[in-house]
C-alpha atoms as a PDB file:
ATOM      1  CA  MET A   1     143.569  77.607 139.694  1.00  0.00           C
ATOM      2  CA  LYS A   2     143.703  80.640 137.394  1.00  0.00           C
ATOM      3  CA  TRP A   3     140.226  81.274 134.821  1.00  0.00           C
ATOM      4  CA  ASP A   4     140.715  83.054 131.715  1.00  0.00           C
ATOM      5  CA  PHE A   5     139.382  86.596 130.899  1.00  0.00           C
ATOM      6  CA  PHE A   6     136.208  84.829 128.917  1.00  0.00           C
ATOM      7  CA  PHE A   7     135.230  82.872 131.840  1.00  0.00           C
ATOM      8  CA  TYR A   8     134.437  86.394 133.731  1.00  0.00           C
ATOM      9  CA  VAL A   9     132.736  87.416 130.858  1.00  0.00           C
ATOM     10  CA  TRP A  10     130.219  84.654 131.048  1.00  0.00           C
ATOM     11  CA  LEU A  11     129.972  84.693 134.557  1.00  0.00           C
ATOM     12  CA  PHE A  12     129.231  89.064 133.821  1.00  0.00           C
ATOM     13  CA  PHE A  13     126.786  88.362 131.384  1.00  0.00           C
ATOM     14  CA  LEU A  14     125.006  85.409 133.313  1.00  0.00           C
ATOM     15  CA  THR A  15     124.672  87.005 136.239  1.00  0.00           C
ATOM     16  CA  ALA A  16     123.534  90.705 134.603  1.00  0.00           C
ATOM     17  CA  PHE A  17     120.519  88.435 132.798  1.00  0.00           C
ATOM     18  CA  LEU A  18     120.136  86.665 136.245  1.00  0.00           C
ATOM     19  CA  GLY A  19     119.571  90.298 137.929  1.00  0.00           C
ATOM     20  CA  TRP A  20     117.552  91.566 134.632  1.00  0.00           C
ATOM     21  CA  LEU A  21     115.106  88.394 134.982  1.00  0.00           C
ATOM     22  CA  TRP A  22     115.136  88.819 138.952  1.00  0.00           C
ATOM     23  CA  GLU A  23     113.869  92.791 138.690  1.00  0.00           C
ATOM     24  CA  ALA A  24     111.620  91.727 135.739  1.00  0.00           C
ATOM     25  CA  GLY A  25     109.735  89.600 137.640  1.00  0.00           C
ATOM     26  CA  ILE A  26     109.667  91.689 140.949  1.00  0.00           C
ATOM     27  CA  TYR A  27     107.895  94.453 138.514  1.00  0.00           C
ATOM     28  CA  LEU A  28     105.853  92.055 136.724  1.00  0.00           C
ATOM     29  CA  PHE A  29     104.340  91.025 140.036  1.00  0.00           C
ATOM     30  CA  LYS A  30     104.633  94.732 141.689  1.00  0.00           C
ATOM     31  CA  GLU A  31     102.694  96.185 138.358  1.00  0.00           C
ATOM     32  CA  GLU A  32     101.684  93.306 136.484  1.00  0.00           C
ATOM     33  CA  ALA A  33     103.086  94.511 133.782  1.00  0.00           C
ATOM     34  CA  TYR A  34     106.325  93.465 131.936  1.00  0.00           C
ATOM     35  CA  VAL A  35     109.143  96.773 132.842  1.00  0.00           C
ATOM     36  CA  ASN A  36     112.876  96.814 131.390  1.00  0.00           C
ATOM     37  CA  ARG A  37     114.510  98.319 134.574  1.00  0.00           C
ATOM     38  CA  GLY A  38     118.109  98.574 133.051  1.00  0.00           C
ATOM     39  CA  PHE A  39     119.295 101.906 131.425  1.00  0.00           C
ATOM     40  CA  LEU A  40     120.258  99.716 128.666  1.00  0.00           C
ATOM     41  CA  SER A  41     117.604  97.938 126.192  1.00  0.00           C
ATOM     42  CA  GLY A  42     119.232  94.463 126.316  1.00  0.00           C
ATOM     43  CA  PRO A  43     118.226  91.851 128.755  1.00  0.00           C
ATOM     44  CA  TRP A  44     121.415  92.412 130.762  1.00  0.00           C
ATOM     45  CA  LEU A  45     121.286  94.808 134.249  1.00  0.00           C
ATOM     46  CA  PRO A  46     125.265  95.716 134.028  1.00  0.00           C
ATOM     47  CA  ILE A  47     125.147  96.289 138.039  1.00  0.00           C
ATOM     48  CA  TYR A  48     124.578  92.665 138.635  1.00  0.00           C
ATOM     49  CA  GLY A  49     127.163  91.806 136.061  1.00  0.00           C
ATOM     50  CA  CYS A  50     129.932  93.855 138.028  1.00  0.00           C
ATOM     51  CA  GLY A  51     129.130  93.111 141.076  1.00  0.00           C
ATOM     52  CA  ALA A  52     129.483  88.870 140.611  1.00  0.00           C
ATOM     53  CA  VAL A  53     132.636  89.409 139.035  1.00  0.00           C
ATOM     54  CA  MET A  54     134.031  91.643 141.924  1.00  0.00           C
ATOM     55  CA  LEU A  55     132.909  89.278 144.463  1.00  0.00           C
ATOM     56  CA  GLU A  56     134.316  86.070 142.585  1.00  0.00           C
ATOM     57  CA  LEU A  57     137.340  87.623 141.751  1.00  0.00           C
ATOM     58  CA  PHE A  58     138.080  89.192 145.650  1.00  0.00           C
ATOM     59  CA  PHE A  59     136.002  86.506 147.619  1.00  0.00           C
ATOM     60  CA  HIS A  60     135.951  82.942 145.877  1.00  0.00           C
ATOM     61  CA  ARG A  61     139.312  82.380 148.205  1.00  0.00           C
ATOM     62  CA  TRP A  62     136.727  82.995 151.400  1.00  0.00           C
ATOM     63  CA  LYS A  63     134.091  80.167 150.243  1.00  0.00           C
ATOM     64  CA  ASP A  64     134.425  78.002 152.937  1.00  0.00           C
ATOM     65  CA  TRP A  65     134.275  81.234 155.060  1.00  0.00           C
ATOM     66  CA  ILE A  66     130.191  82.027 154.979  1.00  0.00           C
ATOM     67  CA  GLY A  67     130.133  84.883 157.404  1.00  0.00           C
ATOM     68  CA  LEU A  68     133.294  86.692 156.646  1.00  0.00           C
ATOM     69  CA  THR A  69     132.153  86.478 152.213  1.00  0.00           C
ATOM     70  CA  PHE A  70     128.622  87.657 153.989  1.00  0.00           C
ATOM     71  CA  VAL A  71     130.000  90.606 155.504  1.00  0.00           C
ATOM     72  CA  CYS A  72     132.283  91.673 152.647  1.00  0.00           C
ATOM     73  CA  SER A  73     129.483  90.703 150.016  1.00  0.00           C
ATOM     74  CA  ALA A  74     126.800  93.055 151.655  1.00  0.00           C
ATOM     75  CA  LEU A  75     129.581  95.635 152.096  1.00  0.00           C
ATOM     76  CA  LEU A  76     131.322  95.753 148.621  1.00  0.00           C
ATOM     77  CA  CYS A  77     128.069  95.264 146.160  1.00  0.00           C
ATOM     78  CA  THR A  78     126.722  97.715 148.574  1.00  0.00           C
ATOM     79  CA  LEU A  79     128.915 100.747 147.901  1.00  0.00           C
ATOM     80  CA  LEU A  80     128.892  99.468 144.210  1.00  0.00           C
ATOM     81  CA  GLU A  81     125.240  99.912 144.367  1.00  0.00           C
ATOM     82  CA  TYR A  82     125.576 103.721 146.012  1.00  0.00           C
ATOM     83  CA  LEU A  83     128.232 104.944 143.695  1.00  0.00           C
ATOM     84  CA  ALA A  84     126.046 103.074 140.405  1.00  0.00           C
ATOM     85  CA  GLY A  85     123.139 105.010 141.838  1.00  0.00           C
ATOM     86  CA  TRP A  86     125.181 108.599 142.563  1.00  0.00           C
ATOM     87  CA  TYR A  87     126.589 108.443 138.976  1.00  0.00           C
ATOM     88  CA  LEU A  88     124.072 107.617 137.101  1.00  0.00           C
ATOM     89  CA  GLU A  89     121.804 109.995 138.635  1.00  0.00           C
ATOM     90  CA  SER A  90     124.620 112.380 138.299  1.00  0.00           C
ATOM     91  CA  ALA A  91     125.244 111.590 134.792  1.00  0.00           C
ATOM     92  CA  TRP A  92     121.765 111.523 133.384  1.00  0.00           C
ATOM     93  CA  GLN A  93     119.889 113.792 135.945  1.00  0.00           C
ATOM     94  CA  VAL A  94     117.543 110.388 136.729  1.00  0.00           C
ATOM     95  CA  LYS A  95     117.120 108.229 139.742  1.00  0.00           C
ATOM     96  CA  TRP A  96     116.746 104.430 138.377  1.00  0.00           C
ATOM     97  CA  TRP A  97     115.866 103.366 141.739  1.00  0.00           C
ATOM     98  CA  ASP A  98     114.865 104.900 145.445  1.00  0.00           C
ATOM     99  CA  TYR A  99     115.039 103.428 148.747  1.00  0.00           C
ATOM    100  CA  SER A 100     114.239 106.831 150.573  1.00  0.00           C
ATOM    101  CA  GLN A 101     110.990 105.238 152.116  1.00  0.00           C
ATOM    102  CA  MET A 102     112.617 101.818 153.386  1.00  0.00           C
ATOM    103  CA  ARG A 103     114.418 101.793 156.751  1.00  0.00           C
ATOM    104  CA  TRP A 104     118.320 102.643 156.746  1.00  0.00           C
ATOM    105  CA  ASN A 105     118.479 104.080 153.621  1.00  0.00           C
ATOM    106  CA  LEU A 106     121.680 106.509 152.808  1.00  0.00           C
ATOM    107  CA  HIS A 107     120.291 109.141 149.921  1.00  0.00           C
ATOM    108  CA  GLY A 108     118.128 106.581 148.646  1.00  0.00           C
ATOM    109  CA  TYR A 109     120.909 104.714 146.501  1.00  0.00           C
ATOM    110  CA  VAL A 110     121.171 101.937 149.315  1.00  0.00           C
ATOM    111  CA  CYS A 111     119.400 100.819 152.145  1.00  0.00           C
ATOM    112  CA  ALA A 112     120.035  97.873 154.830  1.00  0.00           C
ATOM    113  CA  ALA A 113     117.411  95.680 153.258  1.00  0.00           C
ATOM    114  CA  SER A 114     119.099  95.181 150.274  1.00  0.00           C
ATOM    115  CA  SER A 115     122.494  95.386 151.416  1.00  0.00           C
ATOM    116  CA  LEU A 116     121.066  92.038 153.698  1.00  0.00           C
ATOM    117  CA  LEU A 117     120.018  90.490 150.383  1.00  0.00           C
ATOM    118  CA  PHE A 118     123.162  91.243 148.783  1.00  0.00           C
ATOM    119  CA  GLY A 119     125.365  89.589 151.382  1.00  0.00           C
ATOM    120  CA  ILE A 120     123.053  86.716 150.926  1.00  0.00           C
ATOM    121  CA  ALA A 121     123.486  86.733 147.099  1.00  0.00           C
ATOM    122  CA  GLY A 122     127.535  86.994 147.458  1.00  0.00           C
ATOM    123  CA  VAL A 123     127.085  83.568 149.943  1.00  0.00           C
ATOM    124  CA  LEU A 124     125.160  81.941 147.292  1.00  0.00           C
ATOM    125  CA  LEU A 125     127.109  83.011 144.518  1.00  0.00           C
ATOM    126  CA  VAL A 126     130.850  82.448 145.907  1.00  0.00           C
ATOM    127  CA  CYS A 127     129.859  79.520 147.368  1.00  0.00           C
ATOM    128  CA  VAL A 128     127.311  77.527 145.430  1.00  0.00           C
ATOM    129  CA  GLY A 129     126.831  79.533 142.172  1.00  0.00           C
ATOM    130  CA  ALA A 130     130.349  80.219 141.181  1.00  0.00           C
ATOM    131  CA  PRO A 131     131.814  77.225 141.422  1.00  0.00           C
ATOM    132  CA  LEU A 132     128.976  75.170 139.711  1.00  0.00           C
ATOM    133  CA  PHE A 133     129.819  77.817 137.042  1.00  0.00           C
ATOM    134  CA  ARG A 134     133.292  76.972 137.062  1.00  0.00           C
ATOM    135  CA  SER A 135     132.617  73.536 136.267  1.00  0.00           C
ATOM    136  CA  LEU A 136     130.135  73.795 133.608  1.00  0.00           C
ATOM    137  CA  TYR A 137     132.480  76.372 131.546  1.00  0.00           C
ATOM    138  CA  ARG A 138     135.137  74.099 132.051  1.00  0.00           C
ATOM    139  CA  LYS A 139     133.457  71.685 129.755  1.00  0.00           C
ATOM    140  CA  MET A 140     132.561  73.894 126.873  1.00  0.00           C
ATOM    141  CA  PRO A 141     135.457  73.986 124.319  1.00  0.00           C
ATOM    142  CA  PRO A 142     137.529  76.308 123.710  1.00  0.00           C
ATOM    143  CA  TRP A 143     135.961  78.198 120.886  1.00  0.00           C
ATOM    144  CA  LEU A 144     132.242  78.009 122.200  1.00  0.00           C
ATOM    145  CA  ARG A 145     133.981  79.913 125.358  1.00  0.00           C
ATOM    146  CA  ALA A 146     135.674  82.617 123.070  1.00  0.00           C
ATOM    147  CA  GLY A 147     133.074  82.709 120.186  1.00  0.00           C
ATOM    148  CA  THR A 148     130.363  83.819 122.358  1.00  0.00           C
ATOM    149  CA  GLY A 149     132.211  85.331 124.734  1.00  0.00           C
ATOM    150  CA  LEU A 150     133.178  88.193 122.030  1.00  0.00           C
ATOM    151  CA  PHE A 151     129.620  87.753 120.296  1.00  0.00           C
ATOM    152  CA  LEU A 152     127.850  88.644 123.900  1.00  0.00           C
ATOM    153  CA  THR A 153     130.359  91.779 124.544  1.00  0.00           C
ATOM    154  CA  LEU A 154     129.786  92.916 120.734  1.00  0.00           C
ATOM    155  CA  CYS A 155     126.126  93.144 121.512  1.00  0.00           C
ATOM    156  CA  PHE A 156     126.440  94.685 124.970  1.00  0.00           C
ATOM    157  CA  ALA A 157     128.648  97.749 123.424  1.00  0.00           C
ATOM    158  CA  ALA A 158     126.475  98.218 120.587  1.00  0.00           C
ATOM    159  CA  ASP A 159     123.612  98.181 123.110  1.00  0.00           C
ATOM    160  CA  ALA A 160     125.703 100.603 125.343  1.00  0.00           C
ATOM    161  CA  ALA A 161     126.545 102.673 122.475  1.00  0.00           C
ATOM    162  CA  TYR A 162     122.974 103.162 121.194  1.00  0.00           C
ATOM    163  CA  SER A 163     121.629 103.758 125.031  1.00  0.00           C
ATOM    164  CA  ALA A 164     124.195 106.636 125.651  1.00  0.00           C
ATOM    165  CA  ILE A 165     122.640 108.613 122.528  1.00  0.00           C
ATOM    166  CA  ALA A 166     119.343 107.010 124.178  1.00  0.00           C
ATOM    167  CA  PRO A 167     118.941 105.711 127.159  1.00  0.00           C
ATOM    168  CA  HIS A 168     115.790 103.692 128.074  1.00  0.00           C
ATOM    169  CA  THR A 169     113.926 105.007 130.724  1.00  0.00           C
ATOM    170  CA  GLY A 170     111.818 102.768 132.435  1.00  0.00           C
ATOM    171  CA  ALA A 171     108.731 102.778 135.073  1.00  0.00           C
ATOM    172  CA  GLY A 172     109.767 103.589 138.575  1.00  0.00           C
ATOM    173  CA  ILE A 173     112.511 105.928 137.320  1.00  0.00           C
ATOM    174  CA  THR A 174     112.413 109.235 139.014  1.00  0.00           C
ATOM    175  CA  TYR A 175     113.567 112.104 136.957  1.00  0.00           C
ATOM    176  CA  ARG A 176     115.305 114.851 138.814  1.00  0.00           C
END
């Protein structure tokens, strides 16, 4: 079944928000304080949203092949995280995350432990989360899908424009 553009917009924002919650929760536990880990000011981490949309676009047909989905998700998301980390550091001279202290890391942008988590998350998304989300999305009225998708996209664009001028730099970020 073919899905419309707004399905992917909703998937992007849902997973970008869940990624933001995940990282805020980790830092709330580690630092006992709220930390906005993204380079944007809003409650979203676009790398999670981009990863989820890519996983769904590329691997949704493989939801019955858990091993293949796991390996491909781990590889794709590791590549995405490496490229994003490299780009953010090159463009802003700031390192938003650093795995240098972790075993089997590559330039501090990625490590084996995060790749393992990406594989698990990819299986959960492709095999469980996206099919459930599809069924819920299908039940929404089309005007709500499009209207909310456009609203979120405009909010995101405004946040990205603002952050291009004054990037958010939260705790845990290493300046180069």
